[in-house]
């Protein structure tokens, strides 16, 4: 599936926003297992967003170096 560039670039930030909102919701919801579910979902979303962001950054840094001549 292909998405437009602005959407693709904003996905890690949306993942982290969803994680932060889920963590915030876990503090205010007091019914059954929902606080635990929200907390786990929030942590997973934050880690996923950060992982995607760092993977993209690392790929872009190494991709720029591929075409360069090595220093002598």
C-alpha atoms as a PDB file:
ATOM      1  CA  UNK A   1       0.000   0.000   0.000  1.00  0.00           C
ATOM      2  CA  UNK A   2       1.327   3.402  -0.978  1.00  0.00           C
ATOM      3  CA  UNK A   3       0.544   6.557   0.950  1.00  0.00           C
ATOM      4  CA  UNK A   4       1.420  10.143   0.158  1.00  0.00           C
ATOM      5  CA  UNK A   5       4.683  11.536   1.503  1.00  0.00           C
ATOM      6  CA  UNK A   6       3.164  13.894   4.153  1.00  0.00           C
ATOM      7  CA  UNK A   7       1.168  11.025   5.636  1.00  0.00           C
ATOM      8  CA  UNK A   8       4.163   8.678   5.502  1.00  0.00           C
ATOM      9  CA  UNK A   9       6.414  11.213   7.235  1.00  0.00           C
ATOM     10  CA  UNK A  10       3.893  11.918   9.996  1.00  0.00           C
ATOM     11  CA  UNK A  11       3.141   8.290  10.915  1.00  0.00           C
ATOM     12  CA  UNK A  12       5.776   7.922  13.691  1.00  0.00           C
ATOM     13  CA  UNK A  13       4.514  11.097  15.320  1.00  0.00           C
ATOM     14  CA  UNK A  14       0.934   9.862  15.086  1.00  0.00           C
ATOM     15  CA  UNK A  15       1.973   6.566  16.700  1.00  0.00           C
ATOM     16  CA  UNK A  16       3.630   8.441  19.562  1.00  0.00           C
ATOM     17  CA  UNK A  17       0.632  10.770  19.932  1.00  0.00           C
ATOM     18  CA  UNK A  18      -1.691   7.769  20.141  1.00  0.00           C
ATOM     19  CA  UNK A  19       0.611   6.232  22.752  1.00  0.00           C
ATOM     20  CA  UNK A  20       0.670   9.391  24.838  1.00  0.00           C
ATOM     21  CA  UNK A  21      -3.111   9.685  24.656  1.00  0.00           C
ATOM     22  CA  UNK A  22      -3.521   6.052  25.654  1.00  0.00           C
ATOM     23  CA  UNK A  23      -1.165   6.502  28.601  1.00  0.00           C
ATOM     24  CA  UNK A  24      -3.103   9.590  29.681  1.00  0.00           C
ATOM     25  CA  UNK A  25      -6.362   7.665  29.369  1.00  0.00           C
ATOM     26  CA  UNK A  26      -4.976   4.896  31.562  1.00  0.00           C
ATOM     27  CA  UNK A  27      -4.702   7.372  34.429  1.00  0.00           C
ATOM     28  CA  UNK A  28      -8.338   8.478  34.206  1.00  0.00           C
ATOM     29  CA  UNK A  29     -10.175   5.239  33.375  1.00  0.00           C
ATOM     30  CA  UNK A  30     -11.064   3.150  36.418  1.00  0.00           C
ATOM     31  CA  UNK A  31     -13.176   0.320  35.068  1.00  0.00           C
ATOM     32  CA  UNK A  32     -12.021  -3.301  35.040  1.00  0.00           C
ATOM     33  CA  UNK A  33      -8.909  -4.070  33.031  1.00  0.00           C
ATOM     34  CA  UNK A  34      -9.088  -0.930  30.883  1.00  0.00           C
ATOM     35  CA  UNK A  35      -6.303   0.954  32.702  1.00  0.00           C
ATOM     36  CA  UNK A  36      -3.940  -1.978  32.097  1.00  0.00           C
ATOM     37  CA  UNK A  37      -5.002  -2.286  28.463  1.00  0.00           C
ATOM     38  CA  UNK A  38      -4.563   1.447  27.865  1.00  0.00           C
ATOM     39  CA  UNK A  39      -1.182   1.460  29.576  1.00  0.00           C
ATOM     40  CA  UNK A  40       0.117  -1.484  27.558  1.00  0.00           C
ATOM     41  CA  UNK A  41      -1.221  -0.021  24.307  1.00  0.00           C
ATOM     42  CA  UNK A  42       0.365   3.330  25.121  1.00  0.00           C
ATOM     43  CA  UNK A  43       3.769   1.848  25.802  1.00  0.00           C
ATOM     44  CA  UNK A  44       3.645  -0.271  22.643  1.00  0.00           C
ATOM     45  CA  UNK A  45       2.624   2.720  20.512  1.00  0.00           C
ATOM     46  CA  UNK A  46       5.351   4.936  21.978  1.00  0.00           C
ATOM     47  CA  UNK A  47       8.028   2.302  21.424  1.00  0.00           C
ATOM     48  CA  UNK A  48       6.792   1.582  17.883  1.00  0.00           C
ATOM     49  CA  UNK A  49       6.760   5.261  16.940  1.00  0.00           C
ATOM     50  CA  UNK A  50      10.223   5.819  18.351  1.00  0.00           C
ATOM     51  CA  UNK A  51      11.570   2.697  16.629  1.00  0.00           C
ATOM     52  CA  UNK A  52      10.196   3.752  13.243  1.00  0.00           C
ATOM     53  CA  UNK A  53      11.549   7.280  13.689  1.00  0.00           C
ATOM     54  CA  UNK A  54      15.037   6.055  14.618  1.00  0.00           C
ATOM     55  CA  UNK A  55      15.105   3.411  11.862  1.00  0.00           C
ATOM     56  CA  UNK A  56      14.227   6.017   9.255  1.00  0.00           C
ATOM     57  CA  UNK A  57      16.870   8.405  10.567  1.00  0.00           C
ATOM     58  CA  UNK A  58      19.558   5.719  10.547  1.00  0.00           C
ATOM     59  CA  UNK A  59      18.636   4.606   7.039  1.00  0.00           C
ATOM     60  CA  UNK A  60      18.715   8.153   5.711  1.00  0.00           C
ATOM     61  CA  UNK A  61      22.110   8.853   7.284  1.00  0.00           C
ATOM     62  CA  UNK A  62      23.673   5.664   5.910  1.00  0.00           C
ATOM     63  CA  UNK A  63      21.945   6.100   2.539  1.00  0.00           C
ATOM     64  CA  UNK A  64      23.660   9.489   2.088  1.00  0.00           C
ATOM     65  CA  UNK A  65      27.044   7.911   2.748  1.00  0.00           C
ATOM     66  CA  UNK A  66      26.659   5.149   0.154  1.00  0.00           C
ATOM     67  CA  UNK A  67      27.313   7.411  -2.831  1.00  0.00           C
ATOM     68  CA  UNK A  68      30.231   9.273  -1.281  1.00  0.00           C
ATOM     69  CA  UNK A  69      33.885   8.569  -1.919  1.00  0.00           C
ATOM     70  CA  UNK A  70      35.681   7.158   1.142  1.00  0.00           C
ATOM     71  CA  UNK A  71      38.231   9.422   2.823  1.00  0.00           C
ATOM     72  CA  UNK A  72      41.864   8.554   2.269  1.00  0.00           C
END
